[in-house]
Amino acid sequence: MVKKVILLIAVLAVSVGIFFAAGDGREEAEPSWRPGDPLEKNLVKIGVIHVSDPKNEKSGYAYAHYLGIEKMRDELGLRDDQIINKVNVSDIDMPAAEMAIRECVSGGANIIFATSWSYMDLCEKLALEYPGVVFAHASGFKHNDTNFTNYFGRIYQARYLSGIIAGLRTATGKIGYVAAMGKDSSEVTSGLDAFAMGVESVNPDARVYVRVIHRWLDPPGESQAAKYLIAEGCDVIAQHCNTPNPQIEASYAGVWGIGYNSDMRGDAPDATMVSVIWDWGVYYSRLVQSVIDGTFTSTPYVGDIKDGMAVLTEFNERLIPPGAAEAVRLARERIESGETDVFEGEMETNDGRTVGRPGERLSDAEIATGIDWYYRNIIER
């Protein structure tokens, strides 16, 4: 009997030891590869977390990331089975997002691209748990010193150029802008401000009317906001939201539009003059190649119109106003050469304040996180 008790105690002790060693089953064993070391190309595996269906052209934002991943795959010669696309992963449902990322890692992913700002804190947490995985998230600002980085770009430069087209096109002097978020989102607000500055540079009397829908993805809300702005007399509809719905509403109403995320001329060929888009493939190829080469660092990446990350699409020649192409070309040359930029010097807000400093430009960090004001020609609706 004593021997049986001793044996039972020993078994329990071993079981308890195994339980505590295993934890909840989520801890990763010591990784065989760490970011910063070279990795054979055929061993690369990439998990991509999309907020909607990326293969649907009308998803806009997700579709742009999908095109970027496809471009990277082709440029680097990766196989289809080296990419795991997780689709329709809500960026307001963190348990679901966490499950999607963990499934990618369990499936062998050593690179995670999380394509929404709202995944940022989750990536920060999981990067600590999985030191053998590179985590990169779009549009946020957090990173660590080893395996967690972020990526975005100076999309406001292309926004500014599109504002020139809108300012030259409007006949009513009222330009509408459907915004996913309000002044608390520097990502959205910086683009809107840059657009408004572009408008003012060619049409000082025009005003930009903004309607905020408070959702990153809300197709009905995007349509309703566009309709509201058109009813206000806006004859150009621009947007920072995910779907082509504002452009489609502009087409229905017989007014002009400026798209975002994907080239929306195909969705509304009788309205969309041009679109502001991302070429995410510029970054995706760059990061994956750095992982293969062993040169990866967690330094955040900021692309611009010069390196091709921020893009103004080809013009809809039937719709753009006379003189717009030349005005855009000259402004682009000044930005690309470094002669000028959008956020420089003192700038007046729509509530009468002054921001910025004479002779200085706002830093990338200030633009990414610190723009909580609207430019002076913006009217809130």
Protein backbone atom coordinates (compact mmCIF):
# COMPACT_ATOMS: atom_id res chain seq x y z
CA MET A 1 0.00 0.00 0.00
CA VAL A 2 2.82 2.38 0.90
CA LYS A 3 4.53 1.60 -2.37
CA LYS A 4 1.30 2.41 -4.29
CA VAL A 5 1.00 5.76 -2.49
CA ILE A 6 4.62 6.61 -3.25
CA LEU A 7 4.11 5.65 -6.89
CA LEU A 8 0.95 7.79 -7.11
CA ILE A 9 2.76 10.78 -5.62
CA ALA A 10 5.58 10.38 -8.11
CA VAL A 11 3.16 10.24 -11.05
CA LEU A 12 1.34 13.33 -9.80
CA ALA A 13 4.61 15.17 -9.37
CA VAL A 14 5.64 14.41 -12.93
CA SER A 15 2.19 15.42 -14.23
CA VAL A 16 2.26 18.72 -12.35
CA GLY A 17 5.75 19.41 -13.68
CA ILE A 18 4.60 18.79 -17.21
CA PHE A 19 1.53 21.00 -16.71
CA PHE A 20 3.53 23.97 -15.45
CA ALA A 21 6.17 23.49 -18.13
CA ALA A 22 3.52 23.47 -20.82
CA GLY A 23 1.53 26.40 -19.40
CA ASP A 24 -1.60 26.98 -21.49
CA GLY A 25 -0.06 25.46 -24.58
CA ARG A 26 0.62 28.83 -26.20
CA GLU A 27 4.29 29.34 -25.32
CA GLU A 28 6.71 28.80 -28.18
CA ALA A 29 9.75 26.61 -27.71
CA GLU A 30 13.14 28.23 -28.23
CA PRO A 31 12.90 29.30 -31.89
CA SER A 32 15.29 27.76 -34.39
CA TRP A 33 15.39 31.09 -36.28
CA ARG A 34 15.35 34.63 -35.00
CA PRO A 35 14.67 37.86 -36.89
CA GLY A 36 17.93 39.37 -38.06
CA ASP A 37 19.41 36.02 -39.08
CA PRO A 38 19.23 34.89 -42.72
CA LEU A 39 16.31 32.62 -43.64
CA GLU A 40 16.18 30.39 -46.70
CA LYS A 41 13.56 31.66 -49.14
CA ASN A 42 11.77 28.34 -49.29
CA LEU A 43 11.31 28.46 -45.49
CA VAL A 44 9.56 31.83 -45.51
CA LYS A 45 5.90 31.65 -44.57
CA ILE A 46 3.71 34.74 -44.31
CA GLY A 47 0.44 35.28 -42.49
CA VAL A 48 -1.67 38.25 -43.63
CA ILE A 49 -4.56 39.49 -41.49
CA HIS A 50 -7.24 41.26 -43.56
CA VAL A 51 -10.20 43.21 -42.19
CA SER A 52 -12.46 42.12 -45.07
CA ASP A 53 -12.41 39.95 -48.19
CA PRO A 54 -9.18 41.01 -49.93
CA LYS A 55 -10.04 39.46 -53.28
CA ASN A 56 -13.13 41.61 -53.61
CA GLU A 57 -12.16 44.70 -55.60
CA LYS A 58 -14.92 46.67 -53.89
CA SER A 59 -13.29 46.09 -50.49
CA GLY A 60 -10.85 48.89 -51.39
CA TYR A 61 -8.42 48.82 -48.49
CA ALA A 62 -8.12 45.06 -48.15
CA TYR A 63 -7.91 44.68 -51.92
CA ALA A 64 -4.97 47.10 -52.02
CA HIS A 65 -3.11 44.97 -49.47
CA TYR A 66 -3.97 41.83 -51.42
CA LEU A 67 -2.47 43.35 -54.57
CA GLY A 68 0.64 44.28 -52.58
CA ILE A 69 1.05 40.73 -51.30
CA GLU A 70 0.57 39.34 -54.81
CA LYS A 71 3.18 41.76 -56.16
CA MET A 72 5.65 40.73 -53.45
CA ARG A 73 5.04 37.03 -54.10
CA ASP A 74 5.72 37.45 -57.82
CA GLU A 75 8.76 39.71 -57.39
CA LEU A 76 10.43 37.38 -54.89
CA GLY A 77 9.35 34.13 -56.52
CA LEU A 78 7.45 32.70 -53.55
CA ARG A 79 4.98 29.83 -53.80
CA ASP A 80 1.27 30.28 -53.13
CA ASP A 81 1.50 27.91 -50.14
CA GLN A 82 3.99 30.26 -48.49
CA ILE A 83 1.20 32.79 -47.89
CA ILE A 84 -1.71 32.38 -45.46
CA ASN A 85 -4.48 34.94 -45.96
CA LYS A 86 -6.87 35.34 -43.05
CA VAL A 87 -9.93 37.17 -44.33
CA ASN A 88 -12.81 39.07 -42.71
CA VAL A 89 -10.93 39.37 -39.41
CA SER A 90 -12.76 42.13 -37.56
CA ASP A 91 -10.45 44.77 -36.15
CA ILE A 92 -12.89 45.39 -33.31
CA ASP A 93 -12.99 41.71 -32.27
CA MET A 94 -9.59 41.11 -30.72
CA PRO A 95 -10.25 37.49 -29.63
CA ALA A 96 -11.01 36.64 -33.26
CA ALA A 97 -7.94 38.55 -34.45
CA GLU A 98 -5.76 36.80 -31.89
CA MET A 99 -7.05 33.41 -32.98
CA ALA A 100 -6.31 34.26 -36.62
CA ILE A 101 -2.73 35.24 -35.85
CA ARG A 102 -2.14 32.20 -33.65
CA GLU A 103 -3.45 29.95 -36.41
CA CYS A 104 -0.96 31.52 -38.82
CA VAL A 105 1.91 30.89 -36.40
CA SER A 106 0.74 27.34 -35.77
CA GLY A 107 0.71 26.91 -39.54
CA GLY A 108 4.39 27.82 -39.70
CA ALA A 109 4.25 31.56 -40.35
CA ASN A 110 7.45 33.40 -39.46
CA ILE A 111 6.18 36.77 -40.75
CA ILE A 112 2.84 38.35 -39.83
CA PHE A 113 1.46 41.34 -41.69
CA ALA A 114 -1.43 42.82 -39.67
CA THR A 115 -3.08 45.33 -41.96
CA SER A 116 -5.13 47.47 -39.54
CA TRP A 117 -4.24 50.04 -36.90
CA SER A 118 -6.49 48.25 -34.42
CA TYR A 119 -4.32 45.10 -34.44
CA MET A 120 -1.41 47.09 -33.00
CA ASP A 121 -1.65 46.23 -29.29
CA LEU A 122 -2.34 42.59 -30.09
CA CYS A 123 0.80 42.40 -32.24
CA GLU A 124 2.80 44.02 -29.46
CA LYS A 125 1.67 41.30 -27.06
CA LEU A 126 2.17 38.35 -29.40
CA ALA A 127 5.60 39.54 -30.53
CA LEU A 128 6.82 38.97 -26.98
CA GLU A 129 5.34 35.50 -26.95
CA TYR A 130 6.74 34.48 -30.34
CA PRO A 131 10.34 35.81 -30.65
CA GLY A 132 10.86 33.70 -33.78
CA VAL A 133 8.19 35.58 -35.73
CA VAL A 134 8.36 39.02 -37.36
CA PHE A 135 5.26 41.11 -36.65
CA ALA A 136 4.56 44.14 -38.84
CA HIS A 137 1.40 46.20 -38.54
CA ALA A 138 0.09 48.91 -40.81
CA SER A 139 -0.46 52.55 -39.84
CA GLY A 140 0.30 52.33 -36.13
CA PHE A 141 3.26 53.61 -34.15
CA LYS A 142 4.42 50.85 -31.77
CA HIS A 143 7.47 48.63 -32.26
CA ASN A 144 10.15 46.85 -30.24
CA ASP A 145 13.87 46.31 -30.69
CA THR A 146 13.74 42.81 -32.15
CA ASN A 147 10.73 41.42 -34.00
CA PHE A 148 7.91 43.99 -33.99
CA THR A 149 7.71 46.89 -36.43
CA ASN A 150 5.18 49.10 -38.20
CA TYR A 151 4.80 50.47 -41.70
CA PHE A 152 2.99 53.36 -43.29
CA GLY A 153 3.71 56.18 -45.68
CA ARG A 154 3.36 59.82 -46.54
CA ILE A 155 0.05 59.26 -48.28
CA TYR A 156 -0.76 62.88 -47.47
CA GLN A 157 1.59 63.88 -50.31
CA ALA A 158 -0.67 62.17 -52.85
CA ARG A 159 -3.69 63.59 -51.01
CA TYR A 160 -2.32 67.09 -51.49
CA LEU A 161 -1.93 66.52 -55.22
CA SER A 162 -5.49 65.20 -55.49
CA GLY A 163 -6.68 68.34 -53.71
CA ILE A 164 -5.24 70.40 -56.55
CA ILE A 165 -7.47 68.52 -59.00
CA ALA A 166 -10.52 68.95 -56.78
CA GLY A 167 -9.86 72.66 -56.32
CA LEU A 168 -9.61 73.23 -60.05
CA ARG A 169 -12.67 71.09 -60.81
CA THR A 170 -15.30 72.42 -58.39
CA ALA A 171 -17.88 74.85 -59.77
CA THR A 172 -19.80 75.34 -56.51
CA GLY A 173 -16.73 75.93 -54.34
CA LYS A 174 -17.92 73.07 -52.10
CA ILE A 175 -15.93 69.85 -51.96
CA GLY A 176 -17.11 66.88 -49.90
CA TYR A 177 -14.93 64.43 -47.97
CA VAL A 178 -16.20 61.19 -46.41
CA ALA A 179 -13.94 60.42 -43.43
CA ALA A 180 -13.80 57.11 -41.58
CA MET A 181 -12.69 58.77 -38.33
CA GLY A 182 -12.66 62.22 -36.77
CA LYS A 183 -9.94 64.47 -35.45
CA ASP A 184 -8.82 61.85 -32.94
CA SER A 185 -7.33 59.83 -35.82
CA SER A 186 -4.18 61.50 -37.10
CA GLU A 187 -4.05 59.05 -40.00
CA VAL A 188 -7.36 60.31 -41.38
CA THR A 189 -6.99 63.93 -40.32
CA SER A 190 -3.52 64.41 -41.78
CA GLY A 191 -4.76 63.22 -45.17
CA LEU A 192 -7.80 65.45 -45.02
CA ASP A 193 -5.72 68.47 -44.03
CA ALA A 194 -3.25 67.84 -46.84
CA PHE A 195 -6.12 67.49 -49.32
CA ALA A 196 -7.59 70.79 -48.10
CA MET A 197 -4.22 72.50 -48.48
CA GLY A 198 -3.99 71.23 -52.05
CA VAL A 199 -7.46 72.64 -52.73
CA GLU A 200 -6.51 76.02 -51.25
CA SER A 201 -3.28 76.22 -53.27
CA VAL A 202 -5.31 76.61 -56.48
CA ASN A 203 -8.70 77.77 -55.20
CA PRO A 204 -8.48 79.86 -51.99
CA ASP A 205 -12.23 80.47 -51.92
CA ALA A 206 -13.24 76.78 -51.97
CA ARG A 207 -14.24 74.94 -48.82
CA VAL A 208 -13.93 71.25 -47.90
CA TYR A 209 -16.95 69.78 -46.10
CA VAL A 210 -16.14 66.69 -44.02
CA ARG A 211 -18.65 64.08 -42.90
CA VAL A 212 -17.31 61.53 -40.36
CA ILE A 213 -18.84 58.04 -40.20
CA HIS A 214 -16.79 56.74 -37.22
CA ARG A 215 -16.15 53.34 -38.80
CA TRP A 216 -13.27 52.06 -40.90
CA LEU A 217 -15.62 49.89 -42.91
CA ASP A 218 -19.28 50.87 -43.24
CA PRO A 219 -20.56 50.65 -46.83
CA PRO A 220 -24.08 51.96 -46.06
CA GLY A 221 -22.66 54.73 -43.90
CA GLU A 222 -20.23 55.73 -46.64
CA SER A 223 -23.09 56.01 -49.11
CA GLN A 224 -25.23 58.05 -46.74
CA ALA A 225 -22.38 60.44 -45.96
CA ALA A 226 -21.76 61.02 -49.66
CA LYS A 227 -25.45 61.66 -50.29
CA TYR A 228 -25.52 64.16 -47.42
CA LEU A 229 -22.54 66.07 -48.81
CA ILE A 230 -23.98 66.11 -52.32
CA ALA A 231 -27.24 67.51 -50.89
CA GLU A 232 -25.15 70.24 -49.26
CA GLY A 233 -24.02 71.34 -52.72
CA CYS A 234 -20.67 69.56 -52.93
CA ASP A 235 -19.82 68.80 -56.55
CA VAL A 236 -16.61 66.84 -55.84
CA ILE A 237 -16.63 63.87 -53.43
CA ALA A 238 -13.32 62.66 -51.98
CA GLN A 239 -12.93 60.00 -49.32
CA HIS A 240 -10.89 58.26 -46.66
CA CYS A 241 -13.00 55.12 -46.29
CA ASN A 242 -12.79 51.61 -47.62
CA THR A 243 -15.33 51.07 -50.39
CA PRO A 244 -16.12 52.80 -53.70
CA ASN A 245 -19.61 53.72 -52.46
CA PRO A 246 -18.93 57.48 -52.25
CA GLN A 247 -17.69 57.41 -55.85
CA ILE A 248 -20.76 55.48 -56.94
CA GLU A 249 -23.01 58.02 -55.23
CA ALA A 250 -21.12 60.82 -56.98
CA SER A 251 -21.76 59.08 -60.29
CA TYR A 252 -25.48 58.72 -59.56
CA ALA A 253 -25.67 62.43 -58.72
CA GLY A 254 -23.72 63.59 -61.76
CA VAL A 255 -20.85 65.10 -59.78
CA TRP A 256 -17.12 64.35 -59.71
CA GLY A 257 -15.10 62.17 -57.35
CA ILE A 258 -11.65 61.27 -56.05
CA GLY A 259 -11.20 57.66 -54.92
CA TYR A 260 -9.01 56.01 -52.31
CA ASN A 261 -7.27 52.67 -51.68
CA SER A 262 -7.90 51.25 -55.15
CA ASP A 263 -8.26 52.77 -58.60
CA MET A 264 -11.99 53.54 -58.53
CA ARG A 265 -12.30 54.69 -62.11
CA GLY A 266 -13.62 51.21 -62.88
CA ASP A 267 -16.34 51.54 -60.23
CA ALA A 268 -17.46 55.02 -61.24
CA PRO A 269 -15.94 55.90 -64.62
CA ASP A 270 -18.26 58.88 -65.08
CA ALA A 271 -17.32 60.43 -61.73
CA THR A 272 -13.87 59.39 -60.49
CA MET A 273 -11.19 61.73 -61.83
CA VAL A 274 -8.28 60.07 -60.02
CA SER A 275 -7.62 57.92 -56.94
CA VAL A 276 -5.10 58.11 -54.13
CA ILE A 277 -3.77 54.60 -53.57
CA TRP A 278 -1.10 52.63 -51.75
CA ASP A 279 1.37 50.33 -53.43
CA TRP A 280 1.85 48.12 -50.38
CA GLY A 281 3.98 45.77 -52.46
CA VAL A 282 6.86 48.25 -52.21
CA TYR A 283 7.08 47.53 -48.50
CA TYR A 284 6.11 43.87 -48.54
CA SER A 285 8.90 43.02 -50.99
CA ARG A 286 11.35 45.10 -48.99
CA LEU A 287 10.58 43.47 -45.64
CA VAL A 288 10.44 39.87 -46.86
CA GLN A 289 13.70 40.29 -48.78
CA SER A 290 15.34 41.68 -45.62
CA VAL A 291 14.20 38.58 -43.70
CA ILE A 292 15.73 36.32 -46.36
CA ASP A 293 18.97 38.32 -46.44
CA GLY A 294 19.30 38.51 -42.65
CA THR A 295 19.17 42.31 -42.68
CA PHE A 296 15.77 42.73 -41.01
CA THR A 297 15.51 45.40 -38.33
CA SER A 298 12.45 46.60 -36.46
CA THR A 299 12.96 50.21 -37.52
CA PRO A 300 9.55 51.50 -38.71
CA TYR A 301 9.14 52.14 -42.42
CA VAL A 302 7.68 55.33 -43.91
CA GLY A 303 7.23 55.34 -47.70
CA ASP A 304 6.32 58.27 -49.94
CA ILE A 305 5.50 59.28 -53.49
CA LYS A 306 9.18 59.20 -54.45
CA ASP A 307 9.68 55.51 -53.62
CA GLY A 308 6.28 54.60 -55.05
CA MET A 309 4.48 53.74 -51.83
CA ALA A 310 2.01 56.65 -52.06
CA VAL A 311 0.49 56.83 -55.52
CA LEU A 312 -1.77 59.08 -57.54
CA THR A 313 -3.32 56.92 -60.26
CA GLU A 314 -3.54 57.83 -63.91
CA PHE A 315 -6.06 60.57 -64.61
CA ASN A 316 -9.48 60.04 -66.07
CA GLU A 317 -8.73 62.28 -69.02
CA ARG A 318 -12.40 62.86 -69.78
CA LEU A 319 -13.01 64.41 -66.38
CA ILE A 320 -9.97 66.23 -65.03
CA PRO A 321 -10.10 70.01 -65.46
CA PRO A 322 -7.86 71.96 -67.83
CA GLY A 323 -4.46 72.74 -66.34
CA ALA A 324 -4.72 70.12 -63.60
CA ALA A 325 -2.14 67.72 -65.01
CA GLU A 326 0.50 70.44 -65.26
CA ALA A 327 -0.29 71.85 -61.80
CA VAL A 328 0.04 68.37 -60.28
CA ARG A 329 3.29 67.70 -62.12
CA LEU A 330 4.90 70.89 -60.83
CA ALA A 331 3.74 70.33 -57.25
CA ARG A 332 4.94 66.73 -57.34
CA GLU A 333 8.39 67.78 -58.55
CA ARG A 334 8.70 70.22 -55.66
CA ILE A 335 7.73 67.52 -53.13
CA GLU A 336 9.95 64.78 -54.59
CA SER A 337 12.97 67.08 -54.77
CA GLY A 338 12.54 68.07 -51.13
CA GLU A 339 12.09 71.71 -52.07
CA THR A 340 8.80 71.75 -50.22
CA ASP A 341 6.48 69.46 -48.32
CA VAL A 342 2.89 69.67 -47.17
CA PHE A 343 3.14 70.22 -43.42
CA GLU A 344 5.64 73.04 -43.09
CA GLY A 345 5.70 76.48 -41.57
CA GLU A 346 2.80 77.93 -39.61
CA MET A 347 -0.63 76.58 -40.43
CA GLU A 348 -3.98 77.97 -39.36
CA THR A 349 -6.69 75.65 -38.08
CA ASN A 350 -10.43 76.00 -38.65
CA ASP A 351 -10.90 77.09 -35.04
CA GLY A 352 -8.44 79.97 -35.32
CA ARG A 353 -5.35 78.39 -33.78
CA THR A 354 -1.87 78.32 -35.29
CA VAL A 355 0.17 75.12 -35.46
CA GLY A 356 3.63 74.41 -36.78
CA ARG A 357 6.75 76.53 -36.66
CA PRO A 358 8.15 79.02 -39.19
CA GLY A 359 10.80 77.45 -41.39
CA GLU A 360 10.22 73.93 -40.01
CA ARG A 361 8.41 70.82 -41.16
CA LEU A 362 6.40 68.51 -38.98
CA SER A 363 8.17 65.22 -38.33
CA ASP A 364 6.78 61.86 -39.43
CA ALA A 365 5.99 61.10 -35.77
CA GLU A 366 4.04 64.34 -35.37
CA ILE A 367 2.08 63.67 -38.56
CA ALA A 368 1.39 60.05 -37.61
CA THR A 369 0.15 60.72 -34.09
CA GLY A 370 -0.20 64.45 -33.42
CA ILE A 371 -2.53 65.96 -36.02
CA ASP A 372 -5.82 66.45 -34.18
CA TRP A 373 -6.86 69.65 -35.95
CA TYR A 374 -8.58 70.61 -39.19
CA TYR A 375 -7.07 73.06 -41.65
CA ARG A 376 -8.67 76.47 -41.97
CA ASN A 377 -10.80 75.80 -45.07
CA ILE A 378 -12.45 72.66 -43.63
CA ILE A 379 -16.09 72.77 -42.48
CA GLU A 380 -17.36 69.98 -40.23
CA ARG A 381 -20.64 68.37 -41.10
